Structures are given as structure tokens and as C-alpha cells.
PDB file of all heavy atoms in Angstrom:
ATOM      1  N   MET A   1     121.617 149.587 184.517  1.00  0.00           N
ATOM      2  CA  MET A   1     121.925 150.621 185.484  1.00  0.00           C
ATOM      3  C   MET A   1     121.239 150.317 186.849  1.00  0.00           C
ATOM      4  O   MET A   1     120.025 150.207 186.890  1.00  0.00           O
ATOM      5  CB  MET A   1     121.468 151.974 184.996  1.00  0.00           C
ATOM      6  CG  MET A   1     121.928 153.160 185.854  1.00  0.00           C
ATOM      7  SD  MET A   1     121.334 154.698 185.176  1.00  0.00           S
ATOM      8  CE  MET A   1     122.072 154.735 183.562  1.00  0.00           C
ATOM      9  N   PRO A   2     122.004 150.096 187.895  1.00  0.00           N
ATOM     10  CA  PRO A   2     121.384 149.768 189.215  1.00  0.00           C
ATOM     11  C   PRO A   2     120.506 150.911 189.717  1.00  0.00           C
ATOM     12  O   PRO A   2     120.784 152.060 189.483  1.00  0.00           O
ATOM     13  CB  PRO A   2     122.658 149.570 190.122  1.00  0.00           C
ATOM     14  CG  PRO A   2     123.786 149.328 189.173  1.00  0.00           C
ATOM     15  CD  PRO A   2     123.454 150.106 187.957  1.00  0.00           C
ATOM     16  N   ASN A   3     119.416 150.536 190.405  1.00  0.00           N
ATOM     17  CA  ASN A   3     118.470 151.465 190.966  1.00  0.00           C
ATOM     18  C   ASN A   3     117.619 152.200 190.006  1.00  0.00           C
ATOM     19  O   ASN A   3     116.744 152.942 190.365  1.00  0.00           O
ATOM     20  CB  ASN A   3     119.189 152.444 191.926  1.00  0.00           C
ATOM     21  CG  ASN A   3     119.906 151.838 193.036  1.00  0.00           C
ATOM     22  OD1 ASN A   3     119.487 150.859 193.600  1.00  0.00           O
ATOM     23  ND2 ASN A   3     121.030 152.399 193.347  1.00  0.00           N
ATOM     24  N   TYR A   4     117.872 152.006 188.708  1.00  0.00           N
ATOM     25  CA  TYR A   4     117.100 152.731 187.717  1.00  0.00           C
ATOM     26  C   TYR A   4     116.422 151.815 186.712  1.00  0.00           C
ATOM     27  O   TYR A   4     115.191 151.901 186.507  1.00  0.00           O
ATOM     28  CB  TYR A   4     117.991 153.718 186.982  1.00  0.00           C
ATOM     29  CG  TYR A   4     118.317 154.972 187.756  1.00  0.00           C
ATOM     30  CD1 TYR A   4     119.441 155.022 188.588  1.00  0.00           C
ATOM     31  CD2 TYR A   4     117.479 156.104 187.760  1.00  0.00           C
ATOM     32  CE1 TYR A   4     119.721 156.131 189.345  1.00  0.00           C
ATOM     33  CE2 TYR A   4     117.783 157.216 188.514  1.00  0.00           C
ATOM     34  CZ  TYR A   4     118.915 157.251 189.301  1.00  0.00           C
ATOM     35  OH  TYR A   4     119.193 158.367 190.050  1.00  0.00           O
ATOM     36  N   PHE A   5     117.176 150.960 186.051  1.00  0.00           N
ATOM     37  CA  PHE A   5     116.606 150.115 184.989  1.00  0.00           C
ATOM     38  C   PHE A   5     116.814 148.616 185.084  1.00  0.00           C
ATOM     39  O   PHE A   5     116.198 147.849 184.399  1.00  0.00           O
ATOM     40  CB  PHE A   5     117.166 150.621 183.628  1.00  0.00           C
ATOM     41  CG  PHE A   5     116.894 152.059 183.312  1.00  0.00           C
ATOM     42  CD1 PHE A   5     117.870 153.020 183.470  1.00  0.00           C
ATOM     43  CD2 PHE A   5     115.655 152.479 182.884  1.00  0.00           C
ATOM     44  CE1 PHE A   5     117.647 154.330 183.211  1.00  0.00           C
ATOM     45  CE2 PHE A   5     115.337 153.764 182.627  1.00  0.00           C
ATOM     46  CZ  PHE A   5     116.349 154.751 182.789  1.00  0.00           C
ATOM     47  N   ASP A   6     117.716 148.209 185.955  1.00  0.00           N
ATOM     48  CA  ASP A   6     118.165 146.826 185.906  1.00  0.00           C
ATOM     49  C   ASP A   6     116.957 145.767 186.324  1.00  0.00           C
ATOM     50  O   ASP A   6     117.021 144.612 185.930  1.00  0.00           O
ATOM     51  CB  ASP A   6     119.360 146.544 186.799  1.00  0.00           C
ATOM     52  CG  ASP A   6     119.140 146.888 188.251  1.00  0.00           C
ATOM     53  OD1 ASP A   6     118.282 147.807 188.517  1.00  0.00           O
ATOM     54  OD2 ASP A   6     119.776 146.293 189.142  1.00  0.00           O
ATOM     55  N   GLU A   7     115.984 146.332 186.979  1.00  0.00           N
ATOM     56  CA  GLU A   7     114.940 145.415 187.471  1.00  0.00           C
ATOM     57  C   GLU A   7     113.658 145.497 186.601  1.00  0.00           C
ATOM     58  O   GLU A   7     112.661 144.908 186.937  1.00  0.00           O
ATOM     59  CB  GLU A   7     114.518 145.745 188.948  1.00  0.00           C
ATOM     60  CG  GLU A   7     115.689 145.433 189.918  1.00  0.00           C
ATOM     61  CD  GLU A   7     115.231 145.746 191.383  1.00  0.00           C
ATOM     62  OE1 GLU A   7     114.084 146.222 191.548  1.00  0.00           O
ATOM     63  OE2 GLU A   7     116.004 145.459 192.249  1.00  0.00           O
ATOM     64  N   TYR A   8     113.752 146.197 185.497  1.00  0.00           N
ATOM     65  CA  TYR A   8     112.588 146.403 184.639  1.00  0.00           C
ATOM     66  C   TYR A   8     112.860 145.896 183.201  1.00  0.00           C
ATOM     67  O   TYR A   8     113.999 145.784 182.751  1.00  0.00           O
ATOM     68  CB  TYR A   8     112.293 147.967 184.550  1.00  0.00           C
ATOM     69  CG  TYR A   8     111.970 148.625 185.778  1.00  0.00           C
ATOM     70  CD1 TYR A   8     112.988 149.056 186.643  1.00  0.00           C
ATOM     71  CD2 TYR A   8     110.661 148.756 186.215  1.00  0.00           C
ATOM     72  CE1 TYR A   8     112.591 149.675 187.819  1.00  0.00           C
ATOM     73  CE2 TYR A   8     110.305 149.369 187.400  1.00  0.00           C
ATOM     74  CZ  TYR A   8     111.304 149.831 188.191  1.00  0.00           C
ATOM     75  OH  TYR A   8     110.992 150.452 189.431  1.00  0.00           O
ATOM     76  N   ASN A   9     111.689 145.582 182.488  1.00  0.00           N
ATOM     77  CA  ASN A   9     111.807 145.428 181.075  1.00  0.00           C
ATOM     78  C   ASN A   9     111.977 146.801 180.440  1.00  0.00           C
ATOM     79  O   ASN A   9     111.092 147.667 180.598  1.00  0.00           O
ATOM     80  CB  ASN A   9     110.556 144.738 180.546  1.00  0.00           C
ATOM     81  CG  ASN A   9     110.532 143.260 180.921  1.00  0.00           C
ATOM     82  OD1 ASN A   9     111.571 142.630 181.162  1.00  0.00           O
ATOM     83  ND2 ASN A   9     109.318 142.710 181.060  1.00  0.00           N
ATOM     84  N   THR A  10     113.099 147.038 179.808  1.00  0.00           N
ATOM     85  CA  THR A  10     113.430 148.357 179.371  1.00  0.00           C
ATOM     86  C   THR A  10     113.713 148.349 177.848  1.00  0.00           C
ATOM     87  O   THR A  10     114.414 147.473 177.384  1.00  0.00           O
ATOM     88  CB  THR A  10     114.716 148.922 180.136  1.00  0.00           C
ATOM     89  OG1 THR A  10     114.424 148.967 181.478  1.00  0.00           O
ATOM     90  CG2 THR A  10     115.068 150.270 179.601  1.00  0.00           C
ATOM     91  N   THR A  11     113.109 149.296 177.157  1.00  0.00           N
ATOM     92  CA  THR A  11     113.425 149.461 175.714  1.00  0.00           C
ATOM     93  C   THR A  11     114.248 150.732 175.516  1.00  0.00           C
ATOM     94  O   THR A  11     113.980 151.721 176.185  1.00  0.00           O
ATOM     95  CB  THR A  11     112.165 149.502 174.924  1.00  0.00           C
ATOM     96  OG1 THR A  11     111.401 150.657 175.269  1.00  0.00           O
ATOM     97  CG2 THR A  11     111.353 148.267 175.082  1.00  0.00           C
ATOM     98  N   VAL A  12     115.212 150.657 174.616  1.00  0.00           N
ATOM     99  CA  VAL A  12     116.022 151.851 174.257  1.00  0.00           C
ATOM    100  C   VAL A  12     115.832 152.098 172.774  1.00  0.00           C
ATOM    101  O   VAL A  12     116.199 151.238 171.936  1.00  0.00           O
ATOM    102  CB  VAL A  12     117.506 151.659 174.604  1.00  0.00           C
ATOM    103  CG1 VAL A  12     118.265 152.915 174.177  1.00  0.00           C
ATOM    104  CG2 VAL A  12     117.605 151.463 176.105  1.00  0.00           C
ATOM    105  N   THR A  13     115.288 153.212 172.364  1.00  0.00           N
ATOM    106  CA  THR A  13     115.061 153.558 170.964  1.00  0.00           C
ATOM    107  C   THR A  13     115.935 154.776 170.596  1.00  0.00           C
ATOM    108  O   THR A  13     115.834 155.794 171.253  1.00  0.00           O
ATOM    109  CB  THR A  13     113.574 153.925 170.724  1.00  0.00           C
ATOM    110  OG1 THR A  13     112.763 152.783 171.083  1.00  0.00           O
ATOM    111  CG2 THR A  13     113.342 154.242 169.259  1.00  0.00           C
ATOM    112  N   PHE A  14     116.736 154.562 169.592  1.00  0.00           N
ATOM    113  CA  PHE A  14     117.590 155.652 169.161  1.00  0.00           C
ATOM    114  C   PHE A  14     116.938 156.407 167.971  1.00  0.00           C
ATOM    115  O   PHE A  14     116.207 155.878 167.166  1.00  0.00           O
ATOM    116  CB  PHE A  14     118.959 155.138 168.672  1.00  0.00           C
ATOM    117  CG  PHE A  14     119.785 154.578 169.756  1.00  0.00           C
ATOM    118  CD1 PHE A  14     119.793 153.209 169.973  1.00  0.00           C
ATOM    119  CD2 PHE A  14     120.577 155.355 170.544  1.00  0.00           C
ATOM    120  CE1 PHE A  14     120.557 152.670 171.035  1.00  0.00           C
ATOM    121  CE2 PHE A  14     121.328 154.844 171.576  1.00  0.00           C
ATOM    122  CZ  PHE A  14     121.330 153.471 171.828  1.00  0.00           C
ATOM    123  N   MET A  15     117.092 157.714 168.019  1.00  0.00           N
ATOM    124  CA  MET A  15     116.403 158.531 166.926  1.00  0.00           C
ATOM    125  C   MET A  15     117.263 159.806 166.663  1.00  0.00           C
ATOM    126  O   MET A  15     118.162 160.147 167.421  1.00  0.00           O
ATOM    127  CB  MET A  15     114.991 158.928 167.459  1.00  0.00           C
ATOM    128  CG  MET A  15     114.961 159.656 168.762  1.00  0.00           C
ATOM    129  SD  MET A  15     113.331 159.504 169.601  1.00  0.00           S
ATOM    130  CE  MET A  15     112.175 159.758 168.333  1.00  0.00           C
ATOM    131  N   GLU A  16     116.861 160.442 165.593  1.00  0.00           N
ATOM    132  CA  GLU A  16     117.566 161.641 165.224  1.00  0.00           C
ATOM    133  C   GLU A  16     117.113 162.797 166.108  1.00  0.00           C
ATOM    134  O   GLU A  16     116.043 162.859 166.599  1.00  0.00           O
ATOM    135  CB  GLU A  16     117.271 161.982 163.697  1.00  0.00           C
ATOM    136  CG  GLU A  16     117.833 160.931 162.717  1.00  0.00           C
ATOM    137  CD  GLU A  16     119.347 160.748 162.866  1.00  0.00           C
ATOM    138  OE1 GLU A  16     120.035 161.863 162.977  1.00  0.00           O
ATOM    139  OE2 GLU A  16     119.823 159.637 162.794  1.00  0.00           O
ATOM    140  N   GLU A  17     117.996 163.828 166.182  1.00  0.00           N
ATOM    141  CA  GLU A  17     117.745 164.943 167.074  1.00  0.00           C
ATOM    142  C   GLU A  17     116.522 165.709 166.690  1.00  0.00           C
ATOM    143  O   GLU A  17     115.697 166.134 167.552  1.00  0.00           O
ATOM    144  CB  GLU A  17     118.964 165.869 167.063  1.00  0.00           C
ATOM    145  CG  GLU A  17     118.849 167.054 168.033  1.00  0.00           C
ATOM    146  CD  GLU A  17     120.091 167.900 168.053  1.00  0.00           C
ATOM    147  OE1 GLU A  17     121.207 167.391 167.756  1.00  0.00           O
ATOM    148  OE2 GLU A  17     119.968 169.090 168.401  1.00  0.00           O
ATOM    149  N   GLU A  18     116.284 165.921 165.435  1.00  0.00           N
ATOM    150  CA  GLU A  18     115.122 166.680 164.983  1.00  0.00           C
ATOM    151  C   GLU A  18     113.819 165.966 165.389  1.00  0.00           C
ATOM    152  O   GLU A  18     112.890 166.675 165.872  1.00  0.00           O
ATOM    153  CB  GLU A  18     115.138 166.859 163.466  1.00  0.00           C
ATOM    154  CG  GLU A  18     114.049 167.765 162.902  1.00  0.00           C
ATOM    155  CD  GLU A  18     114.118 167.922 161.416  1.00  0.00           C
ATOM    156  OE1 GLU A  18     115.216 167.620 160.783  1.00  0.00           O
ATOM    157  OE2 GLU A  18     113.211 168.441 160.837  1.00  0.00           O
ATOM    158  N   GLU A  19     113.719 164.678 165.206  1.00  0.00           N
ATOM    159  CA  GLU A  19     112.588 163.980 165.567  1.00  0.00           C
ATOM    160  C   GLU A  19     112.393 163.964 167.076  1.00  0.00           C
ATOM    161  O   GLU A  19     111.248 164.152 167.611  1.00  0.00           O
ATOM    162  CB  GLU A  19     112.633 162.553 165.046  1.00  0.00           C
ATOM    163  CG  GLU A  19     111.389 161.668 165.409  1.00  0.00           C
ATOM    164  CD  GLU A  19     111.571 160.238 165.036  1.00  0.00           C
ATOM    165  OE1 GLU A  19     112.646 159.810 164.586  1.00  0.00           O
ATOM    166  OE2 GLU A  19     110.562 159.475 165.242  1.00  0.00           O
ATOM    167  N   PHE A  20     113.438 163.729 167.802  1.00  0.00           N
ATOM    168  CA  PHE A  20     113.372 163.798 169.280  1.00  0.00           C
ATOM    169  C   PHE A  20     112.772 165.058 169.773  1.00  0.00           C
ATOM    170  O   PHE A  20     111.906 165.074 170.611  1.00  0.00           O
ATOM    171  CB  PHE A  20     114.836 163.583 169.842  1.00  0.00           C
ATOM    172  CG  PHE A  20     114.856 163.552 171.338  1.00  0.00           C
ATOM    173  CD1 PHE A  20     114.816 162.338 172.036  1.00  0.00           C
ATOM    174  CD2 PHE A  20     115.033 164.751 172.077  1.00  0.00           C
ATOM    175  CE1 PHE A  20     114.839 162.294 173.398  1.00  0.00           C
ATOM    176  CE2 PHE A  20     115.090 164.712 173.460  1.00  0.00           C
ATOM    177  CZ  PHE A  20     114.990 163.468 174.127  1.00  0.00           C
ATOM    178  N   LYS A  21     113.292 166.233 169.320  1.00  0.00           N
ATOM    179  CA  LYS A  21     112.822 167.484 169.748  1.00  0.00           C
ATOM    180  C   LYS A  21     111.371 167.789 169.409  1.00  0.00           C
ATOM    181  O   LYS A  21     110.653 168.441 170.109  1.00  0.00           O
ATOM    182  CB  LYS A  21     113.705 168.615 169.252  1.00  0.00           C
ATOM    183  CG  LYS A  21     115.085 168.609 169.878  1.00  0.00           C
ATOM    184  CD  LYS A  21     115.948 169.767 169.366  1.00  0.00           C
ATOM    185  CE  LYS A  21     117.302 169.784 170.092  1.00  0.00           C
ATOM    186  NZ  LYS A  21     118.131 170.908 169.601  1.00  0.00           N
ATOM    187  N   ALA A  22     110.945 167.202 168.248  1.00  0.00           N
ATOM    188  CA  ALA A  22     109.516 167.403 167.827  1.00  0.00           C
ATOM    189  C   ALA A  22     108.572 166.534 168.613  1.00  0.00           C
ATOM    190  O   ALA A  22     107.417 166.968 168.942  1.00  0.00           O
ATOM    191  CB  ALA A  22     109.417 167.062 166.351  1.00  0.00           C
ATOM    192  N   VAL A  23     108.990 165.385 169.001  1.00  0.00           N
ATOM    193  CA  VAL A  23     108.061 164.437 169.641  1.00  0.00           C
ATOM    194  C   VAL A  23     108.113 164.432 171.151  1.00  0.00           C
ATOM    195  O   VAL A  23     107.108 164.353 171.881  1.00  0.00           O
ATOM    196  CB  VAL A  23     108.317 162.959 169.139  1.00  0.00           C
ATOM    197  CG1 VAL A  23     107.557 161.936 169.857  1.00  0.00           C
ATOM    198  CG2 VAL A  23     108.127 162.868 167.647  1.00  0.00           C
ATOM    199  N   HIS A  24     109.318 164.589 171.715  1.00  0.00           N
ATOM    200  CA  HIS A  24     109.535 164.423 173.138  1.00  0.00           C
ATOM    201  C   HIS A  24     109.862 165.767 173.821  1.00  0.00           C
ATOM    202  O   HIS A  24     110.881 165.962 174.438  1.00  0.00           O
ATOM    203  CB  HIS A  24     110.658 163.441 173.460  1.00  0.00           C
ATOM    204  CG  HIS A  24     110.378 162.092 172.858  1.00  0.00           C
ATOM    205  ND1 HIS A  24     109.401 161.225 173.310  1.00  0.00           N
ATOM    206  CD2 HIS A  24     110.970 161.460 171.771  1.00  0.00           C
ATOM    207  CE1 HIS A  24     109.423 160.135 172.623  1.00  0.00           C
ATOM    208  NE2 HIS A  24     110.351 160.243 171.672  1.00  0.00           N
ATOM    209  N   ASN A  25     108.940 166.719 173.637  1.00  0.00           N
ATOM    210  CA  ASN A  25     109.173 168.120 174.167  1.00  0.00           C
ATOM    211  C   ASN A  25     108.274 168.481 175.316  1.00  0.00           C
ATOM    212  O   ASN A  25     108.191 169.650 175.688  1.00  0.00           O
ATOM    213  CB  ASN A  25     108.999 169.081 173.022  1.00  0.00           C
ATOM    214  CG  ASN A  25     107.657 169.004 172.319  1.00  0.00           C
ATOM    215  OD1 ASN A  25     106.783 168.255 172.757  1.00  0.00           O
ATOM    216  ND2 ASN A  25     107.426 169.751 171.239  1.00  0.00           N
ATOM    217  N   LYS A  26     107.561 167.540 175.864  1.00  0.00           N
ATOM    218  CA  LYS A  26     106.713 167.806 177.067  1.00  0.00           C
ATOM    219  C   LYS A  26     107.099 166.851 178.108  1.00  0.00           C
ATOM    220  O   LYS A  26     107.781 165.815 177.953  1.00  0.00           O
ATOM    221  CB  LYS A  26     105.230 167.618 176.659  1.00  0.00           C
ATOM    222  CG  LYS A  26     104.748 168.624 175.591  1.00  0.00           C
ATOM    223  CD  LYS A  26     103.290 168.538 175.348  1.00  0.00           C
ATOM    224  CE  LYS A  26     102.844 169.423 174.229  1.00  0.00           C
ATOM    225  NZ  LYS A  26     103.081 170.876 174.516  1.00  0.00           N
ATOM    226  N   MET A  27     106.639 167.110 179.370  1.00  0.00           N
ATOM    227  CA  MET A  27     107.014 166.257 180.536  1.00  0.00           C
ATOM    228  C   MET A  27     105.760 165.898 181.328  1.00  0.00           C
ATOM    229  O   MET A  27     105.657 166.260 182.513  1.00  0.00           O
ATOM    230  CB  MET A  27     108.042 166.980 181.371  1.00  0.00           C
ATOM    231  CG  MET A  27     109.303 167.374 180.608  1.00  0.00           C
ATOM    232  SD  MET A  27     110.693 167.914 181.700  1.00  0.00           S
ATOM    233  CE  MET A  27     111.185 166.359 182.405  1.00  0.00           C
ATOM    234  N   PRO A  28     104.879 165.159 180.822  1.00  0.00           N
ATOM    235  CA  PRO A  28     103.665 164.681 181.580  1.00  0.00           C
ATOM    236  C   PRO A  28     104.110 163.581 182.524  1.00  0.00           C
ATOM    237  O   PRO A  28     105.117 162.938 182.362  1.00  0.00           O
ATOM    238  CB  PRO A  28     102.757 164.173 180.506  1.00  0.00           C
ATOM    239  CG  PRO A  28     103.681 163.643 179.459  1.00  0.00           C
ATOM    240  CD  PRO A  28     104.833 164.647 179.388  1.00  0.00           C
ATOM    241  N   HIS A  29     103.305 163.313 183.545  1.00  0.00           N
ATOM    242  CA  HIS A  29     103.533 162.178 184.379  1.00  0.00           C
ATOM    243  C   HIS A  29     102.278 161.970 185.295  1.00  0.00           C
ATOM    244  O   HIS A  29     101.264 162.627 185.062  1.00  0.00           O
ATOM    245  CB  HIS A  29     104.756 162.370 185.334  1.00  0.00           C
ATOM    246  CG  HIS A  29     105.520 161.049 185.497  1.00  0.00           C
ATOM    247  ND1 HIS A  29     104.889 159.855 185.533  1.00  0.00           N
ATOM    248  CD2 HIS A  29     106.822 160.829 185.692  1.00  0.00           C
ATOM    249  CE1 HIS A  29     105.788 158.853 185.731  1.00  0.00           C
ATOM    250  NE2 HIS A  29     106.974 159.448 185.865  1.00  0.00           N
ATOM    251  N   GLY A  30     102.392 161.072 186.228  1.00  0.00           N
ATOM    252  CA  GLY A  30     101.250 160.781 187.029  1.00  0.00           C
ATOM    253  C   GLY A  30     101.498 159.377 187.669  1.00  0.00           C
ATOM    254  O   GLY A  30     102.553 158.805 187.649  1.00  0.00           O
ATOM    255  N   GLY A  31     100.369 158.840 188.249  1.00  0.00           N
ATOM    256  CA  GLY A  31     100.505 157.580 188.869  1.00  0.00           C
ATOM    257  C   GLY A  31      99.432 157.309 189.896  1.00  0.00           C
ATOM    258  O   GLY A  31      98.502 158.119 190.092  1.00  0.00           O
ATOM    259  N   PHE A  32      99.569 156.127 190.558  1.00  0.00           N
ATOM    260  CA  PHE A  32      98.536 155.665 191.487  1.00  0.00           C
ATOM    261  C   PHE A  32      99.282 155.130 192.774  1.00  0.00           C
ATOM    262  O   PHE A  32     100.251 154.447 192.651  1.00  0.00           O
ATOM    263  CB  PHE A  32      97.695 154.541 190.917  1.00  0.00           C
ATOM    264  CG  PHE A  32      97.133 154.892 189.548  1.00  0.00           C
ATOM    265  CD1 PHE A  32      97.897 154.725 188.377  1.00  0.00           C
ATOM    266  CD2 PHE A  32      95.859 155.338 189.416  1.00  0.00           C
ATOM    267  CE1 PHE A  32      97.398 154.984 187.163  1.00  0.00           C
ATOM    268  CE2 PHE A  32      95.312 155.618 188.212  1.00  0.00           C
ATOM    269  CZ  PHE A  32      96.078 155.423 187.018  1.00  0.00           C
ATOM    270  N   VAL A  33      98.705 155.394 193.901  1.00  0.00           N
ATOM    271  CA  VAL A  33      98.980 154.603 195.125  1.00  0.00           C
ATOM    272  C   VAL A  33      97.707 153.920 195.526  1.00  0.00           C
ATOM    273  O   VAL A  33      96.650 154.524 195.672  1.00  0.00           O
ATOM    274  CB  VAL A  33      99.429 155.525 196.307  1.00  0.00           C
ATOM    275  CG1 VAL A  33      99.556 154.748 197.572  1.00  0.00           C
ATOM    276  CG2 VAL A  33     100.759 156.210 195.945  1.00  0.00           C
ATOM    277  N   MET A  34      97.795 152.606 195.689  1.00  0.00           N
ATOM    278  CA  MET A  34      96.637 151.744 195.990  1.00  0.00           C
ATOM    279  C   MET A  34      96.864 150.869 197.174  1.00  0.00           C
ATOM    280  O   MET A  34      97.943 150.252 197.251  1.00  0.00           O
ATOM    281  CB  MET A  34      96.303 150.963 194.697  1.00  0.00           C
ATOM    282  CG  MET A  34      96.220 151.732 193.473  1.00  0.00           C
ATOM    283  SD  MET A  34      96.356 150.737 191.907  1.00  0.00           S
ATOM    284  CE  MET A  34      94.682 150.208 191.764  1.00  0.00           C
TER     285      MET A  34
END
């Protein structure tokens, strides 16, 4: 996908809906400008 993933090492992991909702239910983030 241009402008999103094409320039990165990207992994895609498929999972069941129940596991997805249990594990990926928060939205943390952050970062650095140096």
C-alpha cells in the first residue's frame, strides 16, 4: 500500500475475532522527535 506500508518491513498476522478483541482492545502510542 503506497504511503502506508510499501517502504517498511511489514508483518501481517491473521487471527480469530475472539482473540483479536481480547488482545487488541487498547490504543496506546507515542514516539520521539530528535
